[in-house]
Amino acid sequence: MAAITEEQVRELAGFRGKLAPVTSCYLDVDGARQIRHQDVVRELDRLLRVARARQNGDHSVANDLRRIEEHVKGGLDRSRTRGLAMFSCSAHDFWRVIELPVPVRSQVVVNHTPSVGQLEQVIDQYERFGVLLVDRQRARMFVFELGELVESTAVFDQLPRGDDDDHSYTKDQARDHTAARARQHLRHAADMAFTVFQDQGFEHLILGASDDLATEIEAVLHTYVRERLVARSHIPLHASDDEIRLAALEVEAAVGRAKEAEVVERLRQAVRAGGRGVAGVDATLAAVVERRVDTLVVSCGYTQVGWRCGTCRWIGRIGRTCPVCETEMDQVDDVIEQAIEDALGQSCKVEMCVGNADLDVLGRIGALVRY
């Protein structure tokens, strides 16, 4: 399963349905909740029933909903897929299906651009992680992406046993020889980690080793690998792939929360200083419209009904007349989604935060601005 990338999300967000709206459908197909295929179909039917009641006779949207229905009811391989994202605009013959190894929130959005907020959330929360496990003789290297194992490599450097030593050695020489072999093993482990980094790439590294060994291995890691080290762990080297994956996900979640907290604190300080920070839906939407945003910060799951001007692209909570060009605007189900899509189109960073109380106090949305 090819992982979705930030570039692909930005490209998707840049599509505009000029002749007709784009229908975006996210569907939870996680086998832990939707056990049978008919459970998935029942979830889809629920979404489509609401969407069809609101389509207002749009022929292209009707075709979109039919195509989505046919794709899902035609059968899905759910062995690795837990979330499904489908984007359709029949008037432009536009069709994209993205299978995700992580769950999504089921929803249908009809708008003139694809609804990419959930994809951005997935990318933001599931960065590529490396896990390096080391003891004195063995080393294992793993790379996980979106919670799935994408790389597994191992090295083994057997240390000499006492009865294998050359008896012409003194005990001190034998001990020095064993220590040298152990240091060589750590260099092999570090080289393996760097090779995997060059081949696969990863944003963060977890190091699993005893405390004394962790200090030694850190000293010989390549700079590019060492600067990505975010945590030490006591994951056993003999642990199963699934045990390692679950441990990595726990660390990944902690790193994500720390990253979110740091961004929200920067936002809070910028707002308090009256400088390069705005908070609350109205001020943030204004900054997006004015193209002043550097980083958009949004609470996951935050939605707000609003308005969009099809002429000048103004977005806001209050309509119906555009305050910029005075034309009649279109009401949209979620103006927060509009802001995310516009921010991505402006090459801004988007930070999706889960359960951050400080951001909730600020109004669940804000932005670090350029001026």
Protein backbone atom coordinates (compact mmCIF):
# COMPACT_ATOMS: atom_id res chain seq x y z
CA MET A 1 0.00 0.00 0.00
CA ALA A 2 1.58 3.28 -1.11
CA ALA A 3 1.50 5.90 1.64
CA ILE A 4 -0.18 9.23 1.04
CA THR A 5 2.29 12.15 1.02
CA GLU A 6 2.01 15.84 1.82
CA GLU A 7 2.66 16.64 -1.84
CA GLN A 8 -0.23 14.44 -2.94
CA VAL A 9 -2.56 16.08 -0.44
CA ARG A 10 -1.58 19.55 -1.66
CA GLU A 11 -2.10 18.48 -5.27
CA LEU A 12 -5.52 17.08 -4.36
CA ALA A 13 -6.44 20.26 -2.50
CA GLY A 14 -5.54 22.27 -5.60
CA PHE A 15 -8.22 20.64 -7.77
CA ARG A 16 -11.22 22.88 -8.50
CA GLY A 17 -14.56 21.64 -9.78
CA LYS A 18 -15.44 24.49 -12.13
CA LEU A 19 -18.34 22.72 -13.85
CA ALA A 20 -19.71 20.92 -10.79
CA PRO A 21 -18.86 20.25 -7.11
CA VAL A 22 -16.44 17.60 -5.88
CA THR A 23 -17.85 14.82 -3.71
CA SER A 24 -15.48 13.65 -0.97
CA CYS A 25 -16.30 10.50 0.98
CA TYR A 26 -14.37 9.14 3.96
CA LEU A 27 -15.43 5.68 5.10
CA ASP A 28 -14.44 3.78 8.23
CA VAL A 29 -13.75 0.22 7.07
CA ASP A 30 -11.74 -0.84 10.13
CA GLY A 31 -12.40 -4.52 10.78
CA ALA A 32 -12.28 -3.90 14.53
CA ARG A 33 -15.53 -1.90 14.24
CA GLN A 34 -16.98 -2.90 10.89
CA ILE A 35 -16.56 -6.65 11.26
CA ARG A 36 -18.47 -7.83 8.19
CA HIS A 37 -18.58 -6.38 4.68
CA GLN A 38 -22.30 -5.77 5.17
CA ASP A 39 -21.42 -3.58 8.18
CA VAL A 40 -19.30 -1.42 5.87
CA VAL A 41 -22.16 -1.29 3.34
CA ARG A 42 -24.60 -0.28 6.08
CA GLU A 43 -22.28 2.56 7.14
CA LEU A 44 -21.99 3.70 3.51
CA ASP A 45 -25.77 3.56 2.99
CA ARG A 46 -26.23 5.82 6.00
CA LEU A 47 -23.85 8.41 4.54
CA LEU A 48 -25.29 8.26 1.04
CA ARG A 49 -28.86 8.57 2.27
CA VAL A 50 -28.05 11.91 3.91
CA ALA A 51 -25.94 13.10 0.96
CA ARG A 52 -28.66 12.28 -1.60
CA ALA A 53 -31.23 14.15 0.42
CA ARG A 54 -29.05 17.26 0.18
CA GLN A 55 -27.76 17.05 -3.40
CA ASN A 56 -30.42 19.41 -4.79
CA GLY A 57 -30.77 17.57 -8.08
CA ASP A 58 -27.14 18.04 -9.15
CA HIS A 59 -26.58 15.42 -11.86
CA SER A 60 -22.78 15.29 -11.40
CA VAL A 61 -23.08 14.78 -7.62
CA ALA A 62 -25.65 12.03 -8.17
CA ASN A 63 -23.17 10.26 -10.44
CA ASP A 64 -20.43 10.77 -7.85
CA LEU A 65 -22.50 9.10 -5.14
CA ARG A 66 -23.36 6.23 -7.47
CA ARG A 67 -19.69 5.69 -8.35
CA ILE A 68 -18.69 5.70 -4.68
CA GLU A 69 -21.43 3.19 -3.90
CA GLU A 70 -20.39 0.87 -6.73
CA HIS A 71 -16.73 1.00 -5.69
CA VAL A 72 -17.44 0.03 -2.09
CA LYS A 73 -20.13 -2.57 -2.79
CA GLY A 74 -17.93 -4.13 -5.46
CA GLY A 75 -15.73 -5.48 -2.66
CA LEU A 76 -12.74 -4.25 -0.66
CA ASP A 77 -9.51 -5.91 0.46
CA ARG A 78 -9.53 -4.95 4.13
CA SER A 79 -6.49 -7.00 5.10
CA ARG A 80 -4.45 -3.79 5.41
CA THR A 81 -7.03 -1.06 4.80
CA ARG A 82 -8.79 0.53 7.77
CA GLY A 83 -9.85 3.82 6.20
CA LEU A 84 -11.02 4.76 2.71
CA ALA A 85 -10.98 8.22 1.10
CA MET A 86 -12.78 8.68 -2.23
CA PHE A 87 -12.97 11.85 -4.31
CA SER A 88 -15.20 12.23 -7.37
CA CYS A 89 -16.26 14.95 -9.79
CA SER A 90 -18.10 13.27 -12.66
CA ALA A 91 -18.39 16.49 -14.66
CA HIS A 92 -14.58 16.58 -14.90
CA ASP A 93 -14.09 12.78 -14.99
CA PHE A 94 -12.14 13.17 -11.72
CA TRP A 95 -11.81 10.06 -9.51
CA ARG A 96 -9.31 9.30 -6.75
CA VAL A 97 -9.32 6.49 -4.20
CA ILE A 98 -6.87 6.46 -1.29
CA GLU A 99 -6.64 3.41 0.96
CA LEU A 100 -5.29 4.08 4.44
CA PRO A 101 -3.95 1.64 7.05
CA VAL A 102 -5.44 3.87 9.77
CA PRO A 103 -9.12 4.55 10.56
CA VAL A 104 -10.98 7.69 9.46
CA ARG A 105 -14.23 9.38 10.48
CA SER A 106 -17.03 8.52 8.07
CA GLN A 107 -18.36 11.61 6.29
CA VAL A 108 -19.47 12.94 2.90
CA VAL A 109 -18.61 16.50 1.88
CA VAL A 110 -19.81 18.17 -1.33
CA ASN A 111 -17.78 21.24 -2.23
CA HIS A 112 -15.95 22.79 -5.18
CA THR A 113 -12.65 21.38 -3.85
CA PRO A 114 -11.75 17.99 -2.36
CA SER A 115 -12.11 17.78 1.41
CA VAL A 116 -8.57 16.93 2.54
CA GLY A 117 -8.67 17.78 6.24
CA GLN A 118 -8.71 14.16 7.38
CA LEU A 119 -5.82 13.26 5.06
CA GLU A 120 -3.82 16.15 6.50
CA GLN A 121 -4.61 14.86 9.98
CA VAL A 122 -3.37 11.38 9.06
CA ILE A 123 -0.10 12.73 7.68
CA ASP A 124 0.36 14.99 10.69
CA GLN A 125 -0.20 12.22 13.23
CA TYR A 126 1.62 9.33 11.54
CA GLU A 127 5.10 10.38 10.52
CA ARG A 128 7.63 7.76 9.42
CA PHE A 129 9.39 6.23 12.45
CA GLY A 130 12.60 4.25 12.67
CA VAL A 131 13.22 1.79 15.52
CA LEU A 132 16.77 0.59 16.24
CA LEU A 133 17.16 -2.27 18.75
CA VAL A 134 20.69 -3.16 19.85
CA ASP A 135 22.48 -5.49 22.24
CA ARG A 136 26.15 -6.53 22.31
CA GLN A 137 25.87 -8.96 19.40
CA ARG A 138 22.65 -8.25 17.52
CA ALA A 139 20.89 -5.27 16.01
CA ARG A 140 17.49 -4.94 14.36
CA MET A 141 16.23 -1.92 12.41
CA PHE A 142 12.57 -1.26 11.57
CA VAL A 143 10.74 1.51 9.75
CA PHE A 144 7.03 2.09 10.30
CA GLU A 145 4.80 4.31 8.18
CA LEU A 146 1.17 5.01 9.07
CA GLY A 147 1.51 2.30 11.69
CA GLU A 148 2.62 -0.30 9.12
CA LEU A 149 6.01 -2.03 8.91
CA VAL A 150 7.76 -1.03 5.68
CA GLU A 151 11.34 -2.12 6.41
CA SER A 152 13.06 -4.73 8.61
CA THR A 153 16.83 -5.32 8.68
CA ALA A 154 19.14 -7.15 11.08
CA VAL A 155 22.86 -7.71 11.73
CA PHE A 156 24.58 -10.24 13.98
CA ASP A 157 28.21 -10.01 15.10
CA GLN A 158 29.08 -12.95 17.33
CA LEU A 159 31.57 -12.15 20.05
CA PRO A 160 34.35 -14.68 20.71
CA ARG A 161 33.73 -17.20 23.49
CA GLY A 162 36.35 -17.72 26.10
CA ASP A 163 37.35 -21.16 24.76
CA ASP A 164 37.71 -19.69 21.25
CA ASP A 165 40.28 -17.15 22.29
CA ASP A 166 43.86 -17.48 21.15
CA HIS A 167 45.63 -18.86 24.24
CA SER A 168 48.73 -16.85 23.40
CA TYR A 169 46.65 -13.79 24.44
CA THR A 170 46.85 -12.57 27.98
CA LYS A 171 43.53 -12.09 29.75
CA ASP A 172 43.85 -8.33 29.28
CA GLN A 173 44.50 -8.77 25.56
CA ALA A 174 41.50 -11.07 25.22
CA ARG A 175 39.31 -8.59 27.07
CA ASP A 176 40.52 -5.75 24.84
CA HIS A 177 39.90 -7.88 21.76
CA THR A 178 36.31 -8.62 22.88
CA ALA A 179 35.70 -4.93 23.62
CA ALA A 180 37.02 -3.98 20.17
CA ARG A 181 34.70 -6.52 18.54
CA ALA A 182 31.78 -5.10 20.55
CA ARG A 183 32.60 -1.55 19.40
CA GLN A 184 32.83 -2.81 15.83
CA HIS A 185 29.36 -4.35 16.24
CA LEU A 186 27.95 -0.99 17.36
CA ARG A 187 29.48 0.68 14.31
CA HIS A 188 27.87 -1.99 12.12
CA ALA A 189 24.52 -1.25 13.80
CA ALA A 190 25.00 2.48 13.26
CA ASP A 191 25.93 1.90 9.60
CA MET A 192 22.84 -0.25 9.15
CA ALA A 193 20.64 2.51 10.59
CA PHE A 194 22.19 5.08 8.26
CA THR A 195 21.77 2.83 5.23
CA VAL A 196 18.10 2.30 6.06
CA PHE A 197 17.71 6.06 6.54
CA GLN A 198 19.20 6.68 3.10
CA ASP A 199 17.02 4.02 1.47
CA GLN A 200 13.73 4.55 3.32
CA GLY A 201 13.96 7.83 5.19
CA PHE A 202 12.29 8.47 8.54
CA GLU A 203 11.44 11.58 10.54
CA HIS A 204 12.01 10.13 14.02
CA LEU A 205 14.10 7.39 15.59
CA ILE A 206 13.46 5.31 18.70
CA LEU A 207 16.48 3.59 20.22
CA GLY A 208 15.97 0.39 22.18
CA ALA A 209 18.99 -0.63 24.24
CA SER A 210 20.27 -0.80 27.81
CA ASP A 211 21.20 2.61 29.20
CA ASP A 212 24.97 2.09 28.98
CA LEU A 213 24.74 0.64 25.48
CA ALA A 214 22.39 3.41 24.32
CA THR A 215 25.01 6.02 25.20
CA GLU A 216 27.65 4.13 23.21
CA ILE A 217 25.47 3.63 20.14
CA GLU A 218 24.36 7.27 20.13
CA ALA A 219 28.00 8.33 19.95
CA VAL A 220 28.58 6.43 16.68
CA LEU A 221 25.28 7.17 14.92
CA HIS A 222 25.55 9.26 11.79
CA THR A 223 24.61 12.91 12.43
CA TYR A 224 21.52 12.68 10.21
CA VAL A 225 20.29 9.69 12.21
CA ARG A 226 21.26 11.00 15.65
CA GLU A 227 19.44 14.32 15.14
CA ARG A 228 16.22 12.34 14.55
CA LEU A 229 16.48 10.46 17.85
CA VAL A 230 13.39 11.33 19.91
CA ALA A 231 13.23 8.61 22.55
CA ARG A 232 14.91 5.68 24.21
CA SER A 233 12.90 2.57 24.89
CA HIS A 234 13.37 -0.79 26.59
CA ILE A 235 11.69 -2.75 23.80
CA PRO A 236 13.21 -6.25 23.96
CA LEU A 237 15.36 -7.06 20.97
CA HIS A 238 13.58 -10.41 20.62
CA ALA A 239 10.09 -8.79 20.61
CA SER A 240 7.71 -9.64 17.79
CA ASP A 241 7.14 -7.20 14.93
CA ASP A 242 3.68 -6.41 16.28
CA GLU A 243 4.98 -5.75 19.80
CA ILE A 244 7.58 -3.40 18.35
CA ARG A 245 4.94 -1.67 16.21
CA LEU A 246 2.66 -1.07 19.20
CA ALA A 247 5.54 0.28 21.30
CA ALA A 248 6.57 2.56 18.44
CA LEU A 249 3.00 3.85 18.09
CA GLU A 250 2.95 4.76 21.79
CA VAL A 251 6.17 6.74 21.42
CA GLU A 252 4.91 8.29 18.18
CA ALA A 253 1.75 9.48 19.92
CA ALA A 254 3.79 11.03 22.75
CA VAL A 255 6.08 12.79 20.27
CA GLY A 256 3.05 14.05 18.37
CA ARG A 257 1.44 15.47 21.50
CA ALA A 258 4.70 17.18 22.45
CA LYS A 259 4.98 18.69 18.97
CA GLU A 260 1.40 19.94 19.13
CA ALA A 261 1.93 21.41 22.60
CA GLU A 262 5.02 23.28 21.39
CA VAL A 263 3.17 24.81 18.43
CA VAL A 264 0.16 25.79 20.57
CA GLU A 265 2.46 27.40 23.14
CA ARG A 266 4.13 29.42 20.37
CA LEU A 267 0.69 30.46 19.19
CA ARG A 268 -0.45 31.39 22.70
CA GLN A 269 2.65 33.52 23.28
CA ALA A 270 2.29 35.23 19.88
CA VAL A 271 -1.38 36.05 20.54
CA ARG A 272 -0.63 37.32 24.04
CA ALA A 273 2.14 39.58 22.72
CA GLY A 274 -0.20 40.98 20.08
CA GLY A 275 2.31 40.02 17.45
CA ARG A 276 2.43 37.30 14.84
CA GLY A 277 -0.43 35.20 16.09
CA VAL A 278 -4.21 35.23 15.75
CA ALA A 279 -6.79 33.03 17.47
CA GLY A 280 -10.46 32.28 17.06
CA VAL A 281 -12.37 31.43 13.93
CA ASP A 282 -13.04 34.98 12.61
CA ALA A 283 -9.50 36.31 13.01
CA THR A 284 -7.98 33.11 11.64
CA LEU A 285 -10.23 32.97 8.57
CA ALA A 286 -9.37 36.61 7.87
CA ALA A 287 -5.66 35.78 8.02
CA VAL A 288 -6.16 32.88 5.60
CA VAL A 289 -8.07 35.12 3.16
CA GLU A 290 -5.32 37.76 3.40
CA ARG A 291 -2.68 35.06 2.76
CA ARG A 292 -0.78 35.99 5.91
CA VAL A 293 -0.68 32.52 7.47
CA ASP A 294 2.57 30.68 8.08
CA THR A 295 1.17 27.85 10.26
CA LEU A 296 -2.52 27.04 10.67
CA VAL A 297 -3.35 25.31 13.97
CA VAL A 298 -6.69 23.46 14.25
CA SER A 299 -8.32 21.16 16.79
CA CYS A 300 -9.17 17.81 15.20
CA GLY A 301 -12.89 17.44 14.69
CA TYR A 302 -13.63 21.19 14.84
CA THR A 303 -16.27 22.19 12.29
CA GLN A 304 -18.16 25.41 11.61
CA VAL A 305 -20.88 26.26 9.12
CA GLY A 306 -19.96 29.26 6.99
CA TRP A 307 -19.88 30.96 3.60
CA ARG A 308 -17.60 30.98 0.57
CA CYS A 309 -17.49 33.54 -2.21
CA GLY A 310 -17.14 31.89 -5.60
CA THR A 311 -15.80 35.12 -7.13
CA CYS A 312 -13.05 36.35 -4.81
CA ARG A 313 -12.76 33.16 -2.64
CA TRP A 314 -13.51 34.99 0.64
CA ILE A 315 -14.49 32.66 3.50
CA GLY A 316 -16.20 33.47 6.76
CA ARG A 317 -18.91 32.55 9.21
CA ILE A 318 -21.40 35.22 8.17
CA GLY A 319 -23.16 35.61 4.81
CA ARG A 320 -24.90 35.95 2.44
CA THR A 321 -23.28 38.95 0.72
CA CYS A 322 -19.49 38.89 0.29
CA PRO A 323 -17.95 41.78 2.28
CA VAL A 324 -15.18 42.14 -0.33
CA CYS A 325 -16.85 42.00 -3.76
CA GLU A 326 -20.51 42.18 -2.64
CA THR A 327 -21.60 39.14 -4.66
CA GLU A 328 -23.88 36.44 -3.29
CA MET A 329 -21.96 33.65 -1.60
CA ASP A 330 -22.50 29.91 -1.24
CA GLN A 331 -23.15 28.37 2.14
CA VAL A 332 -20.72 25.58 3.06
CA ASP A 333 -21.07 22.87 5.69
CA ASP A 334 -17.60 23.39 7.12
CA VAL A 335 -15.66 26.61 6.72
CA ILE A 336 -12.79 25.13 8.79
CA GLU A 337 -12.25 22.58 6.03
CA GLN A 338 -12.21 25.47 3.56
CA ALA A 339 -9.50 27.19 5.60
CA ILE A 340 -7.36 24.02 5.70
CA GLU A 341 -7.63 23.57 1.93
CA ASP A 342 -6.78 27.23 1.28
CA ALA A 343 -3.81 27.06 3.66
CA LEU A 344 -2.44 23.99 1.90
CA GLY A 345 -2.93 25.74 -1.45
CA GLN A 346 -0.85 28.64 -0.10
CA SER A 347 1.94 26.20 0.96
CA CYS A 348 1.30 26.90 4.64
CA LYS A 349 2.03 24.39 7.36
CA VAL A 350 -1.06 22.84 8.96
CA GLU A 351 -0.93 21.45 12.51
CA MET A 352 -3.90 19.28 13.56
CA CYS A 353 -4.11 18.97 17.35
CA VAL A 354 -5.87 16.25 19.34
CA GLY A 355 -7.38 17.19 22.68
CA ASN A 356 -5.17 20.23 23.37
CA ALA A 357 -6.93 22.21 26.12
CA ASP A 358 -4.84 25.35 25.52
CA LEU A 359 -5.97 25.46 21.89
CA ASP A 360 -9.57 24.94 23.00
CA VAL A 361 -9.26 28.05 25.18
CA LEU A 362 -8.02 30.00 22.15
CA GLY A 363 -11.13 29.03 20.18
CA ARG A 364 -9.97 25.68 18.70
CA ILE A 365 -8.29 27.41 15.77
CA GLY A 366 -5.49 29.92 15.30
CA ALA A 367 -2.55 30.81 13.12
CA LEU A 368 1.05 31.92 13.32
CA VAL A 369 1.21 34.70 10.74
CA ARG A 370 3.97 36.20 8.64
CA TYR A 371 3.02 39.82 9.34
